[in-house]
Protein backbone atom coordinates (compact mmCIF):
# COMPACT_ATOMS: atom_id res chain seq x y z
CA UNK A 1 11.35 -61.33 206.21
CA UNK A 2 7.81 -62.87 205.01
CA UNK A 3 7.58 -63.29 201.42
CA UNK A 4 4.75 -61.33 200.14
CA UNK A 5 3.87 -63.64 197.57
CA UNK A 6 3.04 -66.26 200.30
CA UNK A 7 0.83 -63.62 201.99
CA UNK A 8 -1.13 -62.87 199.00
CA UNK A 9 -1.90 -67.13 198.45
CA UNK A 10 -3.95 -66.39 201.83
CA UNK A 11 -5.88 -63.88 200.45
CA UNK A 12 -6.91 -66.04 197.40
CA UNK A 13 -10.29 -67.04 196.80
CA UNK A 14 -10.38 -70.90 196.69
CA UNK A 15 -12.53 -70.62 193.97
CA UNK A 16 -10.93 -70.42 190.32
CA UNK A 17 -12.21 -69.51 186.95
CA UNK A 18 -12.95 -73.03 185.36
CA UNK A 19 -9.80 -72.45 183.05
CA UNK A 20 -7.68 -72.67 186.04
CA UNK A 21 -6.40 -68.96 186.60
CA UNK A 22 -6.54 -67.94 190.09
CA UNK A 23 -8.59 -64.82 190.81
CA UNK A 24 -7.99 -63.19 194.59
CA UNK A 25 -11.04 -62.30 196.65
CA UNK A 26 -11.53 -58.78 195.87
CA UNK A 27 -11.35 -59.53 192.00
CA UNK A 28 -14.08 -62.18 192.56
CA UNK A 29 -15.87 -60.35 194.48
CA UNK A 30 -16.12 -57.41 192.05
CA UNK A 31 -16.73 -59.77 188.90
CA UNK A 32 -19.67 -61.13 190.85
CA UNK A 33 -21.14 -57.59 191.85
CA UNK A 34 -20.52 -56.71 187.68
CA UNK A 35 -22.49 -59.63 186.85
CA UNK A 36 -25.26 -58.72 189.60
CA UNK A 37 -26.00 -55.31 187.69
CA UNK A 38 -25.55 -56.34 184.05
CA UNK A 39 -28.28 -59.23 185.11
CA UNK A 40 -30.17 -56.91 186.30
CA UNK A 41 -30.67 -54.85 183.89
CA UNK A 42 -30.38 -57.60 181.02
CA UNK A 43 -33.30 -56.14 178.83
CA UNK A 44 -31.88 -52.31 178.93
CA UNK A 45 -29.59 -50.71 177.11
CA UNK A 46 -27.37 -50.39 180.34
CA UNK A 47 -23.67 -49.15 180.78
CA UNK A 48 -21.78 -49.71 183.91
CA UNK A 49 -18.65 -48.36 184.89
CA UNK A 50 -16.22 -49.88 186.84
CA UNK A 51 -13.38 -48.65 189.10
CA UNK A 52 -10.20 -50.47 190.36
CA UNK A 53 -6.84 -48.77 191.34
CA UNK A 54 -3.80 -48.74 189.06
CA UNK A 55 -2.20 -52.64 189.61
CA UNK A 56 -5.10 -54.07 191.08
CA UNK A 57 -5.79 -56.00 188.13
CA UNK A 58 -8.25 -54.87 185.78
CA UNK A 59 -7.34 -56.59 182.74
CA UNK A 60 -7.39 -59.73 184.70
CA UNK A 61 -10.79 -59.39 186.04
CA UNK A 62 -12.45 -58.24 182.43
CA UNK A 63 -10.73 -61.19 180.88
CA UNK A 64 -12.58 -63.61 183.13
CA UNK A 65 -15.97 -61.59 182.72
CA UNK A 66 -15.12 -62.06 178.93
CA UNK A 67 -14.67 -65.64 179.47
CA UNK A 68 -17.95 -66.36 181.40
CA UNK A 69 -20.18 -63.95 178.80
CA UNK A 70 -19.08 -65.74 176.29
CA UNK A 71 -19.32 -69.61 177.88
CA UNK A 72 -22.65 -68.49 179.79
CA UNK A 73 -24.66 -66.41 176.98
CA UNK A 74 -23.05 -67.53 173.98
CA UNK A 75 -22.94 -64.07 172.54
CA UNK A 76 -19.66 -62.23 171.59
CA UNK A 77 -17.71 -59.76 173.24
CA UNK A 78 -15.83 -56.59 172.16
CA UNK A 79 -12.97 -55.03 174.16
CA UNK A 80 -11.96 -51.61 173.22
CA UNK A 81 -8.32 -49.91 173.82
CA UNK A 82 -6.66 -46.51 173.09
CA UNK A 83 -3.38 -47.67 172.34
CA UNK A 84 -1.88 -50.71 170.01
CA UNK A 85 0.34 -51.99 173.28
CA UNK A 86 -2.87 -52.64 175.32
CA UNK A 87 -4.79 -54.39 172.18
CA UNK A 88 -1.77 -56.85 172.24
CA UNK A 89 -1.35 -57.00 176.13
CA UNK A 90 -5.25 -57.76 176.33
CA UNK A 91 -5.34 -60.26 173.50
CA UNK A 92 -2.64 -62.17 175.19
CA UNK A 93 -4.64 -62.37 178.41
CA UNK A 94 -7.33 -63.21 177.04
CA UNK A 95 -5.63 -66.15 175.41
CA UNK A 96 -4.40 -67.38 178.99
CA UNK A 97 -8.06 -67.29 180.06
CA UNK A 98 -8.92 -69.63 177.29
CA UNK A 99 -10.63 -66.74 175.28
CA UNK A 100 -10.28 -67.26 171.46
CA UNK A 101 -10.11 -63.90 170.22
CA UNK A 102 -8.52 -61.48 166.99
CA UNK A 103 -6.92 -58.31 167.34
CA UNK A 104 -8.83 -55.81 165.14
CA UNK A 105 -5.94 -53.89 163.54
CA UNK A 106 -4.92 -51.90 160.95
CA UNK A 107 -4.45 -54.99 158.51
CA UNK A 108 -7.81 -56.48 159.25
CA UNK A 109 -9.94 -55.01 156.85
CA UNK A 110 -13.10 -57.36 156.97
CA UNK A 111 -14.16 -59.84 159.54
CA UNK A 112 -13.14 -63.58 158.00
CA UNK A 113 -16.20 -65.44 157.30
CA UNK A 114 -16.97 -68.43 159.22
CA UNK A 115 -14.01 -67.42 162.00
CA UNK A 116 -14.10 -69.09 165.47
CA UNK A 117 -13.66 -65.93 167.41
CA UNK A 118 -15.86 -64.95 169.88
CA UNK A 119 -14.26 -62.19 171.49
CA UNK A 120 -12.54 -59.11 169.08
CA UNK A 121 -10.36 -56.59 170.90
CA UNK A 122 -9.99 -53.36 169.19
CA UNK A 123 -7.91 -49.72 168.86
CA UNK A 124 -10.70 -47.01 169.11
CA UNK A 125 -9.91 -45.14 166.00
CA UNK A 126 -9.26 -48.68 163.97
CA UNK A 127 -12.54 -49.84 164.69
CA UNK A 128 -14.26 -46.62 163.80
CA UNK A 129 -12.89 -46.44 160.65
CA UNK A 130 -13.95 -49.87 159.66
CA UNK A 131 -17.71 -49.02 161.49
CA UNK A 132 -18.03 -46.12 159.40
CA UNK A 133 -17.07 -47.78 156.21
CA UNK A 134 -19.04 -50.34 156.98
CA UNK A 135 -16.72 -53.04 156.64
CA UNK A 136 -17.37 -54.36 160.12
CA UNK A 137 -20.78 -54.83 162.19
CA UNK A 138 -21.33 -55.24 165.67
CA UNK A 139 -24.76 -56.44 165.34
CA UNK A 140 -23.75 -60.04 167.00
CA UNK A 141 -21.64 -58.27 170.26
CA UNK A 142 -23.58 -58.74 173.29
CA UNK A 143 -20.98 -57.07 175.48
CA UNK A 144 -18.35 -54.25 175.44
CA UNK A 145 -15.74 -53.71 177.43
CA UNK A 146 -13.68 -50.40 177.52
CA UNK A 147 -10.45 -50.23 178.94
CA UNK A 148 -9.09 -47.00 180.57
CA UNK A 149 -12.88 -45.64 179.83
CA UNK A 150 -12.08 -42.06 180.82
CA UNK A 151 -10.52 -41.38 177.64
CA UNK A 152 -12.95 -39.41 175.64
CA UNK A 153 -11.78 -40.83 172.24
CA UNK A 154 -14.27 -43.81 173.18
CA UNK A 155 -17.42 -41.35 172.99
CA UNK A 156 -17.66 -41.49 169.13
CA UNK A 157 -18.61 -45.18 169.06
CA UNK A 158 -21.47 -45.05 171.66
CA UNK A 159 -23.51 -44.25 168.34
CA UNK A 160 -22.59 -47.49 167.25
CA UNK A 161 -22.97 -49.54 170.49
CA UNK A 162 -26.52 -48.36 171.81
CA UNK A 163 -27.74 -51.97 171.78
CA UNK A 164 -25.38 -53.73 173.58
CA UNK A 165 -24.43 -53.93 177.46
CA UNK A 166 -20.87 -51.76 177.59
CA UNK A 167 -19.07 -52.07 180.87
CA UNK A 168 -16.42 -49.28 181.08
CA UNK A 169 -13.05 -49.67 183.84
CA UNK A 170 -10.80 -47.18 184.83
CA UNK A 171 -8.64 -46.61 187.66
CA UNK A 172 -9.99 -43.12 187.89
CA UNK A 173 -14.08 -42.45 186.80
CA UNK A 174 -13.21 -38.73 185.91
CA UNK A 175 -13.00 -37.52 182.19
CA UNK A 176 -10.58 -36.31 180.70
CA UNK A 177 -12.56 -33.23 179.49
CA UNK A 178 -14.94 -31.85 182.44
CA UNK A 179 -17.18 -31.04 179.46
CA UNK A 180 -18.20 -34.75 178.85
CA UNK A 181 -18.70 -35.95 182.34
CA UNK A 182 -18.81 -39.92 182.31
CA UNK A 183 -22.07 -39.84 184.26
CA UNK A 184 -23.65 -38.95 180.90
CA UNK A 185 -22.69 -42.19 179.36
CA UNK A 186 -22.93 -44.74 182.36
CA UNK A 187 -25.74 -45.53 184.69
CA UNK A 188 -23.69 -46.70 187.64
CA UNK A 189 -20.60 -47.01 189.09
CA UNK A 190 -19.12 -50.21 191.01
CA UNK A 191 -16.10 -48.96 193.26
CA UNK A 192 -13.09 -51.98 194.05
CA UNK A 193 -11.14 -51.70 197.16
CA UNK A 194 -9.40 -48.70 197.86
CA UNK A 195 -5.28 -48.47 197.55
CA UNK A 196 -5.13 -48.26 200.82
CA UNK A 197 -6.84 -51.77 201.40
CA UNK A 198 -4.70 -53.29 198.26
CA UNK A 199 -1.40 -51.80 200.15
CA UNK A 200 -2.29 -53.69 204.04
CA UNK A 201 -3.10 -57.22 201.77
CA UNK A 202 0.27 -56.69 200.17
CA UNK A 203 -1.15 -56.41 196.94
CA UNK A 204 0.26 -52.81 196.32
CA UNK A 205 3.45 -51.28 197.19
CA UNK A 206 3.51 -48.30 199.60
CA UNK A 207 4.67 -44.80 198.77
CA UNK A 208 6.88 -43.26 200.70
CA UNK A 209 6.13 -39.41 199.42
CA UNK A 210 8.93 -36.82 199.58
CA UNK A 211 7.41 -33.19 198.58
CA UNK A 212 9.64 -30.26 197.31
CA UNK A 213 8.13 -26.90 197.26
CA UNK A 214 7.71 -25.39 193.43
CA UNK A 215 6.54 -22.30 192.59
CA UNK A 216 4.09 -22.55 189.45
CA UNK A 217 3.05 -18.84 189.22
CA UNK A 218 4.36 -18.86 185.46
CA UNK A 219 2.52 -21.85 184.35
CA UNK A 220 -0.41 -21.13 182.37
CA UNK A 221 -3.78 -23.39 181.79
CA UNK A 222 -4.29 -24.92 178.47
CA UNK A 223 -7.80 -25.83 176.69
CA UNK A 224 -7.88 -29.17 178.22
CA UNK A 225 -7.73 -27.67 181.47
CA UNK A 226 -4.09 -28.75 182.44
CA UNK A 227 -0.91 -26.99 182.46
CA UNK A 228 0.52 -26.28 178.82
CA UNK A 229 3.67 -27.69 177.66
CA UNK A 230 5.33 -24.81 176.75
CA UNK A 231 4.95 -22.93 180.06
CA UNK A 232 5.69 -26.12 181.59
CA UNK A 233 9.17 -26.56 179.48
CA UNK A 234 9.86 -23.10 180.29
CA UNK A 235 9.38 -23.80 184.08
CA UNK A 236 11.33 -27.32 184.43
CA UNK A 237 13.97 -26.00 181.97
CA UNK A 238 15.05 -23.46 184.57
CA UNK A 239 18.68 -24.02 186.11
CA UNK A 240 16.94 -23.91 189.74
CA UNK A 241 14.67 -26.40 188.81
CA UNK A 242 17.22 -28.70 187.05
CA UNK A 243 19.49 -28.48 190.15
CA UNK A 244 16.40 -29.16 192.48
CA UNK A 245 15.59 -32.21 190.52
CA UNK A 246 19.09 -33.66 190.80
CA UNK A 247 19.04 -32.58 194.67
CA UNK A 248 15.85 -34.39 195.14
CA UNK A 249 17.44 -37.79 193.31
CA UNK A 250 20.00 -37.42 195.27
CA UNK A 251 18.31 -37.14 198.76
CA UNK A 252 15.40 -39.48 198.15
CA UNK A 253 16.41 -41.75 195.11
CA UNK A 254 20.11 -42.33 194.87
CA UNK A 255 20.97 -45.62 193.52
CA UNK A 256 17.06 -46.51 193.29
CA UNK A 257 15.18 -47.54 189.63
CA UNK A 258 13.86 -44.48 188.85
CA UNK A 259 11.25 -43.27 186.32
CA UNK A 260 11.05 -39.54 185.86
CA UNK A 261 7.85 -37.84 184.40
CA UNK A 262 7.75 -34.84 182.31
CA UNK A 263 5.51 -32.46 180.77
CA UNK A 264 7.69 -31.78 177.46
CA UNK A 265 10.18 -33.27 175.16
CA UNK A 266 12.43 -31.14 175.63
CA UNK A 267 12.48 -30.99 179.18
CA UNK A 268 12.92 -34.60 179.29
CA UNK A 269 15.84 -34.22 177.00
CA UNK A 270 17.39 -31.86 179.41
CA UNK A 271 16.96 -34.11 182.40
CA UNK A 272 18.81 -36.92 180.36
CA UNK A 273 21.81 -34.54 179.90
CA UNK A 274 21.81 -33.24 183.08
CA UNK A 275 21.93 -36.59 184.90
CA UNK A 276 24.41 -37.65 182.43
CA UNK A 277 26.67 -35.17 182.95
CA UNK A 278 26.30 -35.95 186.70
CA UNK A 279 27.29 -39.36 185.80
CA UNK A 280 24.19 -41.48 186.09
CA UNK A 281 22.93 -44.41 184.00
CA UNK A 282 19.83 -42.58 182.23
CA UNK A 283 17.70 -43.07 179.05
CA UNK A 284 15.02 -40.50 177.30
CA UNK A 285 11.77 -41.96 176.13
CA UNK A 286 9.26 -40.28 173.91
CA UNK A 287 6.53 -41.10 171.39
CA UNK A 288 8.97 -39.96 168.76
CA UNK A 289 11.06 -42.92 169.56
CA UNK A 290 10.70 -45.68 167.16
CA UNK A 291 9.04 -49.47 168.20
CA UNK A 292 12.27 -50.80 168.29
CA UNK A 293 14.03 -48.02 170.04
CA UNK A 294 11.58 -48.35 172.79
CA UNK A 295 11.79 -51.87 172.80
CA UNK A 296 15.51 -51.71 173.47
CA UNK A 297 15.51 -48.69 175.93
CA UNK A 298 12.75 -50.74 178.20
CA UNK A 299 14.96 -53.58 178.03
CA UNK A 300 17.49 -51.73 179.29
CA UNK A 301 15.82 -50.40 182.12
CA UNK A 302 14.38 -53.32 183.36
CA UNK A 303 17.99 -55.27 183.16
CA UNK A 304 20.21 -52.53 184.38
CA UNK A 305 20.34 -51.98 188.30
CA UNK A 306 19.75 -48.21 189.42
CA UNK A 307 18.69 -47.30 186.05
CA UNK A 308 17.05 -43.96 185.23
CA UNK A 309 14.44 -43.71 182.63
CA UNK A 310 13.02 -40.20 181.70
CA UNK A 311 10.13 -39.68 179.89
CA UNK A 312 7.18 -37.75 178.72
CA UNK A 313 3.59 -38.98 178.70
CA UNK A 314 4.31 -42.35 177.03
CA UNK A 315 4.70 -44.86 180.18
CA UNK A 316 1.65 -43.44 181.92
CA UNK A 317 -0.34 -46.36 180.69
CA UNK A 318 0.04 -50.00 179.80
CA UNK A 319 3.70 -50.16 181.25
CA UNK A 320 4.09 -52.39 183.84
CA UNK A 321 7.50 -52.68 185.52
CA UNK A 322 7.62 -53.90 189.21
CA UNK A 323 11.25 -53.48 189.46
CA UNK A 324 10.89 -49.66 190.07
CA UNK A 325 11.82 -48.03 193.44
CA UNK A 326 10.88 -44.34 192.79
CA UNK A 327 8.67 -42.32 191.10
CA UNK A 328 9.24 -38.54 190.27
CA UNK A 329 6.74 -36.06 189.18
CA UNK A 330 8.99 -33.55 186.91
CA UNK A 331 5.84 -31.78 186.43
CA UNK A 332 2.48 -30.70 187.95
CA UNK A 333 -0.73 -31.50 186.70
CA UNK A 334 -4.48 -30.27 187.13
CA UNK A 335 -5.42 -34.00 186.15
CA UNK A 336 -6.40 -36.28 188.89
CA UNK A 337 -6.40 -39.71 186.32
CA UNK A 338 -2.26 -38.55 185.56
CA UNK A 339 -1.58 -38.07 189.33
CA UNK A 340 -2.89 -41.72 190.09
CA UNK A 341 -1.48 -43.23 186.83
CA UNK A 342 2.10 -41.63 187.38
CA UNK A 343 2.40 -43.01 191.12
CA UNK A 344 0.70 -46.29 190.20
CA UNK A 345 3.86 -47.10 188.01
CA UNK A 346 6.10 -47.49 191.04
CA UNK A 347 3.40 -49.54 193.21
CA UNK A 348 3.93 -52.88 191.58
CA UNK A 349 4.67 -55.43 194.08
CA UNK A 350 8.00 -58.00 193.78
CA UNK A 351 9.16 -60.24 195.74
CA UNK A 352 9.71 -58.52 199.15
CA UNK A 353 9.16 -54.93 197.80
CA UNK A 354 6.90 -53.26 200.06
CA UNK A 355 7.41 -49.73 199.32
CA UNK A 356 8.65 -47.37 196.47
CA UNK A 357 9.87 -44.12 196.73
CA UNK A 358 7.72 -40.44 195.25
CA UNK A 359 9.05 -37.45 194.78
CA UNK A 360 6.48 -34.63 193.83
CA UNK A 361 8.14 -31.63 192.26
CA UNK A 362 4.79 -30.16 191.05
CA UNK A 363 2.79 -29.61 194.27
CA UNK A 364 0.74 -32.56 192.81
CA UNK A 365 0.18 -34.02 196.36
CA UNK A 366 -1.14 -30.99 198.32
CA UNK A 367 -3.37 -30.53 194.86
CA UNK A 368 -4.98 -33.77 195.20
CA UNK A 369 -4.06 -35.22 198.45
CA UNK A 370 -1.96 -38.30 199.35
CA UNK A 371 -2.42 -41.08 196.81
CA UNK A 372 -3.13 -43.76 199.32
CA UNK A 373 -5.41 -41.74 200.92
CA UNK A 374 -9.13 -42.19 200.97
CA UNK A 375 -11.16 -40.57 197.77
CA UNK A 376 -14.85 -40.42 197.36
CA UNK A 377 -15.19 -41.77 193.86
CA UNK A 378 -19.13 -41.66 193.92
CA UNK A 379 -19.30 -38.10 194.59
CA UNK A 380 -16.47 -37.67 192.26
CA UNK A 381 -18.81 -39.60 189.27
CA UNK A 382 -21.81 -37.99 189.97
CA UNK A 383 -19.96 -33.87 190.51
CA UNK A 384 -17.17 -33.88 188.56
CA UNK A 385 -17.40 -30.30 187.99
CA UNK A 386 -17.82 -29.69 192.08
CA UNK A 387 -14.74 -31.50 192.21
CA UNK A 388 -12.38 -29.70 190.08
CA UNK A 389 -14.06 -26.55 191.80
CA UNK A 390 -12.79 -27.77 195.35
CA UNK A 391 -9.13 -28.37 194.19
CA UNK A 392 -6.86 -26.01 196.00
CA UNK A 393 -5.66 -23.23 193.58
CA UNK A 394 -1.83 -22.66 192.88
CA UNK A 395 -1.33 -19.67 194.92
CA UNK A 396 -3.33 -21.13 197.67
CA UNK A 397 -0.69 -23.98 197.90
CA UNK A 398 2.16 -21.74 197.30
CA UNK A 399 0.91 -19.20 200.62
CA UNK A 400 1.74 -22.42 202.64
CA UNK A 401 5.16 -23.21 201.59
CA UNK A 402 8.17 -22.85 204.26
CA UNK A 403 11.07 -23.16 202.45
CA UNK A 404 14.15 -25.75 203.54
CA UNK A 405 17.12 -24.75 202.35
CA UNK A 406 19.03 -28.09 200.80
CA UNK A 407 21.52 -29.66 202.95
CA UNK A 408 24.38 -29.42 200.40
CA UNK A 409 23.69 -25.74 200.14
CA UNK A 410 23.41 -25.53 204.15
CA UNK A 411 27.05 -26.73 203.93
CA UNK A 412 27.76 -23.48 202.16
CA UNK A 413 26.42 -21.34 205.02
CA UNK A 414 27.84 -23.70 207.97
CA UNK A 415 29.08 -20.66 209.76
CA UNK A 416 25.72 -18.97 210.15
CA UNK A 417 23.62 -20.41 212.92
CA UNK A 418 20.55 -18.97 212.03
CA UNK A 419 19.44 -19.12 208.33
CA UNK A 420 15.61 -19.13 208.81
CA UNK A 421 13.06 -16.01 208.07
CA UNK A 422 9.76 -15.94 208.45
CA UNK A 423 8.21 -13.19 206.13
CA UNK A 424 4.70 -13.74 207.02
CA UNK A 425 5.48 -13.76 210.90
CA UNK A 426 7.91 -10.49 210.88
CA UNK A 427 5.07 -8.88 208.39
CA UNK A 428 2.40 -9.29 211.27
CA UNK A 429 4.95 -8.27 214.07
CA UNK A 430 5.42 -4.98 212.33
CA UNK A 431 2.18 -4.09 211.27
CA UNK A 432 1.11 -4.70 215.19
CA UNK A 433 3.76 -1.74 215.50
CA UNK A 434 2.51 0.33 212.76
CA UNK A 435 5.74 0.09 210.91
CA UNK A 436 6.08 0.60 206.76
CA UNK A 437 5.41 -2.75 205.07
CA UNK A 438 8.69 -2.64 203.21
CA UNK A 439 10.96 -3.00 206.51
CA UNK A 440 10.55 -6.64 206.01
CA UNK A 441 12.18 -6.69 202.95
CA UNK A 442 15.06 -4.32 204.66
CA UNK A 443 15.35 -6.98 207.45
CA UNK A 444 15.44 -9.88 205.19
CA UNK A 445 17.95 -8.64 203.18
CA UNK A 446 19.83 -7.76 206.42
CA UNK A 447 20.01 -11.41 206.96
CA UNK A 448 21.09 -12.44 203.95
CA UNK A 449 23.68 -9.79 204.06
CA UNK A 450 25.20 -10.85 207.31
CA UNK A 451 24.75 -14.95 206.45
CA UNK A 452 27.25 -14.04 203.25
CA UNK A 453 29.39 -11.99 205.52
CA UNK A 454 29.86 -15.07 208.13
CA UNK A 455 30.47 -17.20 204.91
CA UNK A 456 32.59 -15.40 202.44
CA UNK A 457 36.20 -13.94 202.75
CA UNK A 458 36.41 -11.92 199.78
CA UNK A 459 33.54 -10.14 197.03
CA UNK A 460 33.95 -13.30 194.52
CA UNK A 461 33.21 -15.68 196.82
CA UNK A 462 30.24 -13.22 198.61
CA UNK A 463 28.31 -12.82 194.86
CA UNK A 464 28.84 -16.36 194.27
CA UNK A 465 26.75 -17.16 197.31
CA UNK A 466 24.31 -14.35 196.78
CA UNK A 467 23.39 -16.35 193.48
CA UNK A 468 22.87 -19.42 195.26
CA UNK A 469 20.23 -17.64 197.65
CA UNK A 470 17.88 -16.82 194.81
CA UNK A 471 15.71 -19.57 195.06
CA UNK A 472 15.24 -18.42 199.21
CA UNK A 473 15.05 -14.99 197.84
CA UNK A 474 12.28 -15.81 195.54
CA UNK A 475 10.60 -17.58 198.20
CA UNK A 476 10.47 -14.80 200.39
CA UNK A 477 9.77 -12.03 197.64
CA UNK A 478 6.53 -14.43 196.94
CA UNK A 479 5.50 -14.29 200.62
CA UNK A 480 5.91 -10.61 200.82
CA UNK A 481 3.67 -9.98 197.70
CA UNK A 482 0.86 -12.41 199.50
CA UNK A 483 1.05 -10.28 202.92
CA UNK A 484 0.68 -6.85 200.80
CA UNK A 485 -2.04 -8.65 198.31
CA UNK A 486 0.08 -7.81 195.48
CA UNK A 487 0.69 -11.19 193.98
CA UNK A 488 1.00 -10.18 190.11
CA UNK A 489 3.71 -12.03 188.65
CA UNK A 490 5.27 -8.86 186.83
CA UNK A 491 5.36 -7.41 190.54
CA UNK A 492 7.06 -10.28 192.04
CA UNK A 493 9.83 -10.02 189.22
CA UNK A 494 10.57 -6.08 189.54
CA UNK A 495 10.67 -6.96 193.54
CA UNK A 496 12.91 -10.20 192.90
CA UNK A 497 15.26 -8.06 190.65
CA UNK A 498 15.39 -5.24 192.78
CA UNK A 499 16.20 -7.63 195.70
CA UNK A 500 18.96 -9.18 194.20
CA UNK A 501 20.26 -5.53 192.85
CA UNK A 502 20.19 -4.31 196.23
CA UNK A 503 21.73 -7.20 198.04
CA UNK A 504 24.90 -7.22 195.57
CA UNK A 505 25.08 -3.46 196.07
CA UNK A 506 25.44 -4.02 199.60
CA UNK A 507 27.91 -7.09 199.57
CA UNK A 508 30.38 -4.91 196.89
CA UNK A 509 30.07 -1.74 199.73
CA UNK A 510 30.97 -4.78 202.34
CA UNK A 511 33.69 -6.17 200.45
């Protein structure tokens, strides 16, 4: 098998940075384009945004930009991050590029006099405090580079930086707050190579995506425009969802190093206990773990074959572990940025790794499209509100669902030749015959009753099989409610309860 690293060498531009760090051709091209824009607007207060997919080497690119800016213009560079881990990683990369830098962390109250540093790295909150207290000045800065520029926390610093050029870098030029579009702070956007190009040239691994349909009707939207933690916890802590997660893992990710993303600490802990009980090697990580606990857990994850790590939020940025073979989105999100960040954690190449697995348990692929599909970042940058308006609604996504019985459950109904029931098709057929709509439910009940009779020898077994059919029943009820345009949550709950009650009554009569 051809070694991917060897293939990458073909794509390397022969030109190196003067410090000897090799740059890939697309990185060199992006740097040239960025400097062309900066030179063109040299006399203006100009803000430029640069987009590059996760795993494309944004830190490498802006480290080389910082090096050239200091060398060619003799002015200082300030690099802003939103987390201390990113500050330290950035500082290390700058040092590798020969850029003498200083991290302005909490212990740095004032800048030392006569220091030799031409580049500063600072967390946004720390720098904001120092600037407001007038302990630090930025009058001698010539360029500001903002990492993960889509975060709105950086906006508070713009009032201090209106005299210098600003370069924002991000994988997704879409603000985390729809009310604060990035076009209000940046004049132009440069778009780097798309994910599909980086995959074809062996710079990123390709995603093999498995989608499992999930009803999201109980989720609520919070003030930030995304699903609330409380409603997500309630849904994903449900018995059926926990079983679906285990089933999905066994079907698509078994014996693969797996990272699971959740929307809530309680959910992640339940995932941990569920997988632990099933005999899998798993650890849980969230922002309440100490720095040492986090280091130990991540070291365990790196070194343990087939390890599973369940987490909340903390590993979406600044985490690079190429040994990951599988990503599970055990959550739904309306954030395009988060969608790309989660999947991107598995896209890093390693040796002959060409693909990785993605399991979607939140209808995210249906909402945003394939991770490696085409996307018009310029259009999103210019009209973010239109992008949000065009997102498919959860109800519209769920209308297209087709229920597929899991293989483990299908085995319990092995004596039944036919287990499928298309509610919409049967409803339309009955409508054409001028028959009453509720006959669809009766026909569905007939089939479920027959399936159970074919596979259960006594009442206890029959009632057990009925419980196992509740996911199928829920899907049929929801499709029926769409057909009759009564899709309120309360109505569906009543209909579901009534269906289950009638099924149990039929079984008690049969046995």
